[in-house]
C-alpha atoms as a PDB file:
ATOM      1  CA  MET A   1      -9.515 -19.224 -16.697  1.00  0.00           C
ATOM      2  CA  ALA A   2     -11.057 -20.612 -19.302  1.00  0.00           C
ATOM      3  CA  TRP A   3     -11.133 -23.880 -21.642  1.00  0.00           C
ATOM      4  CA  HIS A   4     -12.510 -26.086 -23.847  1.00  0.00           C
ATOM      5  CA  ALA A   5     -12.907 -29.879 -23.106  1.00  0.00           C
ATOM      6  CA  PRO A   6     -15.877 -32.576 -23.261  1.00  0.00           C
ATOM      7  CA  VAL A   7     -18.556 -32.432 -20.742  1.00  0.00           C
ATOM      8  CA  PRO A   8     -18.048 -35.576 -18.732  1.00  0.00           C
ATOM      9  CA  GLY A   9     -19.336 -38.555 -19.763  1.00  0.00           C
ATOM     10  CA  LEU A  10     -19.583 -37.374 -23.243  1.00  0.00           C
ATOM     11  CA  LYS A  11     -17.002 -38.238 -26.558  1.00  0.00           C
ATOM     12  CA  GLY A  12     -16.880 -35.780 -29.580  1.00  0.00           C
ATOM     13  CA  GLU A  13     -16.586 -32.261 -30.231  1.00  0.00           C
ATOM     14  CA  ALA A  14     -20.079 -31.357 -30.276  1.00  0.00           C
ATOM     15  CA  ASN A  15     -19.851 -32.713 -27.121  1.00  0.00           C
ATOM     16  CA  ARG A  16     -17.402 -29.689 -25.835  1.00  0.00           C
ATOM     17  CA  THR A  17     -17.866 -26.959 -24.156  1.00  0.00           C
ATOM     18  CA  VAL A  18     -15.981 -24.206 -22.560  1.00  0.00           C
ATOM     19  CA  TRP A  19     -14.932 -24.136 -19.130  1.00  0.00           C
ATOM     20  CA  VAL A  20     -14.396 -20.951 -16.775  1.00  0.00           C
ATOM     21  CA  THR A  21     -13.027 -20.538 -13.048  1.00  0.00           C
ATOM     22  CA  ALA A  22     -12.154 -17.612 -11.061  1.00  0.00           C
ATOM     23  CA  SER A  23      -9.262 -16.425  -8.699  1.00  0.00           C
ATOM     24  CA  ARG A  24     -10.190 -13.548  -6.201  1.00  0.00           C
ATOM     25  CA  ASP A  25      -7.029 -13.698  -4.504  1.00  0.00           C
ATOM     26  CA  ASP A  26      -4.478 -13.590  -7.271  1.00  0.00           C
ATOM     27  CA  GLY A  27      -4.817 -16.841  -8.153  1.00  0.00           C
ATOM     28  CA  ARG A  28      -3.666 -19.031  -5.102  1.00  0.00           C
ATOM     29  CA  MET A  29      -7.194 -20.872  -4.832  1.00  0.00           C
ATOM     30  CA  PHE A  30      -9.905 -20.843  -7.549  1.00  0.00           C
ATOM     31  CA  LYS A  31     -13.783 -21.916  -7.486  1.00  0.00           C
ATOM     32  CA  PRO A  32     -14.633 -25.147  -9.254  1.00  0.00           C
ATOM     33  CA  GLU A  33     -15.021 -24.744 -13.151  1.00  0.00           C
ATOM     34  CA  TRP A  34     -18.744 -23.807 -14.219  1.00  0.00           C
ATOM     35  CA  ARG A  35     -19.569 -24.160 -18.635  1.00  0.00           C
ATOM     36  CA  LEU A  36     -19.232 -20.831 -19.796  1.00  0.00           C
ATOM     37  CA  THR A  37     -22.749 -21.734 -21.635  1.00  0.00           C
ATOM     38  CA  GLU A  38     -25.853 -24.072 -21.611  1.00  0.00           C
ATOM     39  CA  ASP A  39     -26.298 -23.890 -24.778  1.00  0.00           C
ATOM     40  CA  ALA A  40     -25.117 -27.185 -26.580  1.00  0.00           C
ATOM     41  CA  THR A  41     -22.437 -25.467 -29.497  1.00  0.00           C
ATOM     42  CA  GLY A  42     -19.800 -27.475 -28.801  1.00  0.00           C
ATOM     43  CA  ALA A  43     -16.326 -26.375 -29.027  1.00  0.00           C
ATOM     44  CA  CYS A  44     -14.103 -26.850 -32.068  1.00  0.00           C
ATOM     45  CA  GLY A  45     -11.181 -29.553 -30.336  1.00  0.00           C
ATOM     46  CA  CYS A  46      -7.743 -27.758 -31.774  1.00  0.00           C
ATOM     47  CA  CYS A  47      -8.611 -24.364 -32.134  1.00  0.00           C
ATOM     48  CA  GLY A  48      -7.332 -21.477 -29.592  1.00  0.00           C
ATOM     49  CA  MET A  49      -9.814 -19.688 -27.625  1.00  0.00           C
ATOM     50  CA  ARG A  50      -9.332 -16.335 -26.085  1.00  0.00           C
ATOM     51  CA  LEU A  51     -10.682 -14.731 -22.957  1.00  0.00           C
ATOM     52  CA  GLY A  52     -10.380 -10.556 -23.074  1.00  0.00           C
ATOM     53  CA  PHE A  53     -11.700  -7.532 -21.151  1.00  0.00           C
ATOM     54  CA  ASP A  54     -13.782  -4.713 -22.781  1.00  0.00           C
ATOM     55  CA  SER A  55     -13.464  -1.572 -22.033  1.00  0.00           C
ATOM     56  CA  VAL A  56     -15.937  -1.024 -19.026  1.00  0.00           C
ATOM     57  CA  GLY A  57     -14.213  -4.137 -17.218  1.00  0.00           C
ATOM     58  CA  ASP A  58     -16.832  -7.354 -18.391  1.00  0.00           C
ATOM     59  CA  LEU A  59     -15.196 -10.455 -19.694  1.00  0.00           C
ATOM     60  CA  LEU A  60     -15.588 -11.451 -23.089  1.00  0.00           C
ATOM     61  CA  ALA A  61     -14.666 -15.119 -24.537  1.00  0.00           C
ATOM     62  CA  LEU A  62     -14.697 -15.833 -27.962  1.00  0.00           C
ATOM     63  CA  TYR A  63     -14.343 -19.218 -29.264  1.00  0.00           C
ATOM     64  CA  ARG A  64     -15.413 -21.416 -32.173  1.00  0.00           C
ATOM     65  CA  ALA A  65     -18.306 -24.066 -31.983  1.00  0.00           C
ATOM     66  CA  ALA A  66     -18.354 -27.300 -33.492  1.00  0.00           C
ATOM     67  CA  ASN A  67     -20.835 -30.060 -35.054  1.00  0.00           C
ATOM     68  CA  ALA A  68     -21.641 -31.893 -37.967  1.00  0.00           C
ATOM     69  CA  THR A  69     -21.903 -29.000 -40.232  1.00  0.00           C
ATOM     70  CA  THR A  70     -20.676 -26.010 -39.047  1.00  0.00           C
ATOM     71  CA  ARG A  71     -17.149 -24.690 -36.855  1.00  0.00           C
ATOM     72  CA  ASP A  72     -19.020 -20.847 -36.214  1.00  0.00           C
ATOM     73  CA  VAL A  73     -17.440 -18.340 -33.985  1.00  0.00           C
ATOM     74  CA  TYR A  74     -19.197 -17.384 -31.223  1.00  0.00           C
ATOM     75  CA  LEU A  75     -18.519 -14.052 -29.003  1.00  0.00           C
ATOM     76  CA  ALA A  76     -19.551 -14.912 -25.515  1.00  0.00           C
ATOM     77  CA  HIS A  77     -20.534 -11.569 -22.849  1.00  0.00           C
ATOM     78  CA  LEU A  78     -20.077 -11.545 -18.727  1.00  0.00           C
ATOM     79  CA  GLY A  79     -21.239  -8.495 -16.923  1.00  0.00           C
ATOM     80  CA  ARG A  80     -20.569  -7.757 -13.605  1.00  0.00           C
ATOM     81  CA  GLY A  81     -22.911  -8.905 -11.451  1.00  0.00           C
ATOM     82  CA  ALA A  82     -23.794 -11.377 -13.744  1.00  0.00           C
ATOM     83  CA  ASN A  83     -24.330 -14.618 -11.279  1.00  0.00           C
ATOM     84  CA  ASN A  84     -21.352 -16.110 -13.425  1.00  0.00           C
ATOM     85  CA  ARG A  85     -23.702 -16.441 -16.936  1.00  0.00           C
ATOM     86  CA  PHE A  86     -22.393 -15.591 -20.072  1.00  0.00           C
ATOM     87  CA  GLU A  87     -24.329 -14.196 -22.825  1.00  0.00           C
ATOM     88  CA  ALA A  88     -23.119 -16.045 -26.003  1.00  0.00           C
ATOM     89  CA  THR A  89     -23.960 -14.922 -29.663  1.00  0.00           C
ATOM     90  CA  LYS A  90     -23.216 -16.296 -33.064  1.00  0.00           C
ATOM     91  CA  LEU A  91     -20.575 -14.043 -34.494  1.00  0.00           C
ATOM     92  CA  HIS A  92     -19.654 -15.296 -37.487  1.00  0.00           C
ATOM     93  CA  GLU A  93     -21.304 -18.355 -39.612  1.00  0.00           C
ATOM     94  CA  PHE A  94     -18.779 -21.284 -41.320  1.00  0.00           C
ATOM     95  CA  ALA A  95     -20.070 -23.955 -43.132  1.00  0.00           C
ATOM     96  CA  THR A  96     -17.309 -26.621 -42.963  1.00  0.00           C
ATOM     97  CA  LYS A  97     -16.791 -30.224 -41.182  1.00  0.00           C
ATOM     98  CA  THR A  98     -13.396 -29.193 -40.520  1.00  0.00           C
ATOM     99  CA  CYS A  99     -11.243 -27.897 -37.713  1.00  0.00           C
ATOM    100  CA  PRO A 100      -9.389 -24.854 -39.598  1.00  0.00           C
ATOM    101  CA  MET A 101      -6.442 -24.827 -36.654  1.00  0.00           C
ATOM    102  CA  SER A 102      -6.589 -21.319 -35.728  1.00  0.00           C
ATOM    103  CA  THR A 103      -6.681 -19.278 -32.771  1.00  0.00           C
ATOM    104  CA  MET A 104      -8.232 -15.648 -31.988  1.00  0.00           C
ATOM    105  CA  ALA A 105      -7.815 -11.933 -30.742  1.00  0.00           C
ATOM    106  CA  PHE A 106      -8.585  -9.610 -28.180  1.00  0.00           C
ATOM    107  CA  ALA A 107      -7.449  -5.812 -28.396  1.00  0.00           C
ATOM    108  CA  THR A 108      -8.753  -2.658 -26.392  1.00  0.00           C
ATOM    109  CA  ALA A 109      -9.608  -0.030 -28.502  1.00  0.00           C
ATOM    110  CA  GLY A 110     -10.420   3.226 -26.618  1.00  0.00           C
ATOM    111  CA  SER A 111     -14.179   5.299 -26.586  1.00  0.00           C
ATOM    112  CA  GLY A 112     -16.057   1.876 -25.063  1.00  0.00           C
ATOM    113  CA  ALA A 113     -14.761  -0.483 -27.897  1.00  0.00           C
ATOM    114  CA  THR A 114     -12.714  -4.002 -27.984  1.00  0.00           C
ATOM    115  CA  LEU A 115     -11.609  -5.711 -31.015  1.00  0.00           C
ATOM    116  CA  ALA A 116     -11.824  -8.973 -31.695  1.00  0.00           C
ATOM    117  CA  ALA A 117     -10.231 -11.064 -34.691  1.00  0.00           C
ATOM    118  CA  TRP A 118     -10.156 -14.474 -35.857  1.00  0.00           C
ATOM    119  CA  GLU A 119     -10.450 -16.974 -39.045  1.00  0.00           C
ATOM    120  CA  THR A 120     -13.287 -17.711 -41.361  1.00  0.00           C
ATOM    121  CA  GLY A 121     -12.706 -19.635 -44.258  1.00  0.00           C
ATOM    122  CA  GLY A 122      -9.356 -19.165 -44.656  1.00  0.00           C
ATOM    123  CA  GLN A 123      -9.447 -14.971 -44.326  1.00  0.00           C
ATOM    124  CA  ILE A 124      -8.923 -12.884 -41.493  1.00  0.00           C
ATOM    125  CA  TYR A 125     -12.049 -10.902 -40.092  1.00  0.00           C
ATOM    126  CA  PHE A 126     -12.550  -8.214 -37.029  1.00  0.00           C
ATOM    127  CA  THR A 127     -15.373  -6.447 -35.772  1.00  0.00           C
ATOM    128  CA  ARG A 128     -15.828  -3.787 -32.345  1.00  0.00           C
ATOM    129  CA  TRP A 129     -17.511  -5.358 -29.433  1.00  0.00           C
ATOM    130  CA  ASP A 130     -19.392  -1.886 -27.895  1.00  0.00           C
ATOM    131  CA  ALA A 131     -19.673  -2.262 -24.297  1.00  0.00           C
ATOM    132  CA  GLY A 132     -21.923   0.235 -23.667  1.00  0.00           C
ATOM    133  CA  GLU A 133     -24.632  -0.764 -25.974  1.00  0.00           C
ATOM    134  CA  ARG A 134     -23.275  -4.452 -25.736  1.00  0.00           C
ATOM    135  CA  ARG A 135     -23.338  -5.339 -29.217  1.00  0.00           C
ATOM    136  CA  PHE A 136     -20.961  -6.318 -31.841  1.00  0.00           C
ATOM    137  CA  ASP A 137     -20.413  -4.529 -35.822  1.00  0.00           C
ATOM    138  CA  GLU A 138     -20.723  -5.882 -38.538  1.00  0.00           C
ATOM    139  CA  PRO A 139     -17.386  -8.540 -38.981  1.00  0.00           C
ATOM    140  CA  VAL A 140     -14.420  -7.036 -41.738  1.00  0.00           C
ATOM    141  CA  ALA A 141     -12.342  -8.899 -43.967  1.00  0.00           C
ATOM    142  CA  ALA A 142      -8.755  -8.051 -43.747  1.00  0.00           C
ATOM    143  CA  ALA A 143      -7.096  -6.037 -46.792  1.00  0.00           C
ATOM    144  CA  GLY A 144      -6.605  -7.428 -49.783  1.00  0.00           C
ATOM    145  CA  LYS A 145      -5.958 -11.035 -51.075  1.00  0.00           C
ATOM    146  CA  GLY A 146      -3.579 -13.755 -49.137  1.00  0.00           C
ATOM    147  CA  THR A 147      -3.219 -17.526 -49.208  1.00  0.00           C
ATOM    148  CA  ASN A 148      -4.463 -19.341 -45.942  1.00  0.00           C
ATOM    149  CA  ARG A 149      -5.104 -16.677 -43.643  1.00  0.00           C
ATOM    150  CA  LYS A 150      -5.114 -17.770 -40.301  1.00  0.00           C
ATOM    151  CA  HIS A 151      -4.005 -16.720 -36.325  1.00  0.00           C
ATOM    152  CA  PRO A 152      -4.521 -13.163 -36.107  1.00  0.00           C
ATOM    153  CA  SER A 153      -3.315 -10.412 -33.604  1.00  0.00           C
ATOM    154  CA  LEU A 154      -4.621  -6.754 -32.915  1.00  0.00           C
ATOM    155  CA  ALA A 155      -2.561  -3.905 -31.239  1.00  0.00           C
ATOM    156  CA  VAL A 156      -4.193  -0.472 -31.134  1.00  0.00           C
ATOM    157  CA  ASN A 157      -1.833   2.415 -30.469  1.00  0.00           C
ATOM    158  CA  LYS A 158      -2.300   6.121 -28.348  1.00  0.00           C
ATOM    159  CA  ASP A 159      -3.718   7.571 -32.188  1.00  0.00           C
ATOM    160  CA  GLY A 160      -6.065   5.433 -32.382  1.00  0.00           C
ATOM    161  CA  LEU A 161      -4.629   3.346 -34.877  1.00  0.00           C
ATOM    162  CA  THR A 162      -4.739  -0.834 -35.290  1.00  0.00           C
ATOM    163  CA  LEU A 163      -2.455  -2.526 -36.326  1.00  0.00           C
ATOM    164  CA  LEU A 164      -3.990  -6.155 -37.529  1.00  0.00           C
ATOM    165  CA  ALA A 165      -1.209  -9.144 -38.561  1.00  0.00           C
ATOM    166  CA  TRP A 166      -1.905 -12.709 -39.233  1.00  0.00           C
ATOM    167  CA  THR A 167      -0.350 -15.459 -40.971  1.00  0.00           C
ATOM    168  CA  GLU A 168      -0.721 -16.718 -44.609  1.00  0.00           C
ATOM    169  CA  GLY A 169       0.326 -19.988 -46.296  1.00  0.00           C
ATOM    170  CA  THR A 170       1.133 -21.882 -42.740  1.00  0.00           C
ATOM    171  CA  GLY A 171       0.021 -26.080 -42.499  1.00  0.00           C
ATOM    172  CA  TRP A 172       1.141 -28.697 -40.268  1.00  0.00           C
ATOM    173  CA  LYS A 173       4.470 -28.533 -40.015  1.00  0.00           C
ATOM    174  CA  ARG A 174       4.908 -25.765 -42.165  1.00  0.00           C
ATOM    175  CA  GLY A 175       5.820 -21.921 -41.666  1.00  0.00           C
ATOM    176  CA  GLY A 176       4.441 -18.901 -44.001  1.00  0.00           C
ATOM    177  CA  SER A 177       5.084 -15.497 -43.873  1.00  0.00           C
ATOM    178  CA  VAL A 178       3.308 -12.952 -41.871  1.00  0.00           C
ATOM    179  CA  ALA A 179       1.151  -9.949 -43.564  1.00  0.00           C
ATOM    180  CA  TRP A 180      -0.003  -7.351 -41.852  1.00  0.00           C
ATOM    181  CA  GLN A 181      -2.503  -3.552 -41.798  1.00  0.00           C
ATOM    182  CA  VAL A 182      -3.042  -0.623 -40.447  1.00  0.00           C
ATOM    183  CA  TYR A 183      -6.532   0.762 -40.113  1.00  0.00           C
ATOM    184  CA  ASP A 184      -8.125   4.332 -38.704  1.00  0.00           C
ATOM    185  CA  ALA A 185     -10.651   4.527 -36.099  1.00  0.00           C
ATOM    186  CA  SER A 186     -13.194   4.345 -38.994  1.00  0.00           C
ATOM    187  CA  VAL A 187     -11.943   1.264 -39.787  1.00  0.00           C
ATOM    188  CA  LYS A 188     -10.808   1.660 -42.894  1.00  0.00           C
ATOM    189  CA  PRO A 189      -6.840   0.807 -44.419  1.00  0.00           C
ATOM    190  CA  ALA A 190      -4.455   3.616 -43.099  1.00  0.00           C
ATOM    191  CA  VAL A 191      -1.607   3.333 -44.761  1.00  0.00           C
ATOM    192  CA  GLY A 192      -1.649   1.337 -48.442  1.00  0.00           C
ATOM    193  CA  GLY A 193      -2.366  -2.003 -48.822  1.00  0.00           C
ATOM    194  CA  PRO A 194      -1.748  -4.887 -46.836  1.00  0.00           C
ATOM    195  CA  GLY A 195       1.974  -5.935 -45.999  1.00  0.00           C
ATOM    196  CA  SER A 196       3.998  -8.962 -46.082  1.00  0.00           C
ATOM    197  CA  ILE A 197       7.522 -10.433 -44.887  1.00  0.00           C
ATOM    198  CA  PRO A 198       8.737 -14.159 -45.418  1.00  0.00           C
ATOM    199  CA  GLY A 199      10.522 -16.408 -43.259  1.00  0.00           C
ATOM    200  CA  LEU A 200       7.701 -17.182 -40.531  1.00  0.00           C
ATOM    201  CA  PRO A 201       8.752 -20.463 -38.676  1.00  0.00           C
ATOM    202  CA  ALA A 202       6.659 -23.695 -38.304  1.00  0.00           C
ATOM    203  CA  TRP A 203       4.379 -23.468 -35.394  1.00  0.00           C
ATOM    204  CA  SER A 204       5.227 -19.794 -34.991  1.00  0.00           C
ATOM    205  CA  LEU A 205       2.552 -17.072 -34.217  1.00  0.00           C
ATOM    206  CA  PRO A 206       2.660 -13.155 -34.815  1.00  0.00           C
ATOM    207  CA  THR A 207       1.709 -10.995 -31.893  1.00  0.00           C
ATOM    208  CA  ALA A 208       1.060  -7.083 -32.918  1.00  0.00           C
ATOM    209  CA  VAL A 209       2.690  -4.852 -29.826  1.00  0.00           C
ATOM    210  CA  ALA A 210       1.741  -0.809 -29.744  1.00  0.00           C
ATOM    211  CA  THR A 211       4.633   1.364 -28.452  1.00  0.00           C
ATOM    212  CA  ALA A 212       4.405   3.893 -25.713  1.00  0.00           C
ATOM    213  CA  ASP A 213       5.762   6.405 -28.925  1.00  0.00           C
ATOM    214  CA  GLY A 214       2.657   5.248 -30.925  1.00  0.00           C
ATOM    215  CA  SER A 215       4.838   2.845 -33.426  1.00  0.00           C
ATOM    216  CA  PHE A 216       3.920  -0.606 -33.960  1.00  0.00           C
ATOM    217  CA  LEU A 217       5.536  -3.876 -33.688  1.00  0.00           C
ATOM    218  CA  ILE A 218       5.349  -7.514 -34.874  1.00  0.00           C
ATOM    219  CA  VAL A 219       7.278 -10.294 -32.716  1.00  0.00           C
ATOM    220  CA  PHE A 220       7.430 -13.882 -34.175  1.00  0.00           C
END
């Protein structure tokens, strides 16, 4: 389990950090929480972080930092036997003073890769984390042009195709549209341009799903 919260005795988003705890008995007991990283990155109070496992079983964390001038995205990696210490790496810079109110996503892609997606400046980006090399590729922007893209979701099917879904035009108490794009194994758009459908309710998010027969669903 992980969450972001202030360091005891301090206030403000620049003094928030990501806290982690773990259970080895199916959730009956948890260890005392510890800081994901000792680096003073801060943590954006309204953006949702994500945990995931890569293809070799190492834990990944994706979160948005916060300070007076930036809201950068960080990818943190915890290898097995790593003494509970994550290695946090800046994944994407975002020079803004305000919270974008967005979320993150993970999906296992096979061949030692894990996909991660997030929003920066109204655009969705995603990258591949290579478990063997312990590195991520250069971030790729979602195909096409949209307005106020947020809340990505990822799914990978049995054929190695990736569905990236996201929202467009959402806001406080306001719904919008759901958009998507299918990518091949080389992270190139596989089937035409991005699709879109209106009718996303306020406060709703899309969830991309790969079915057993290789088709995709988007639930919202």
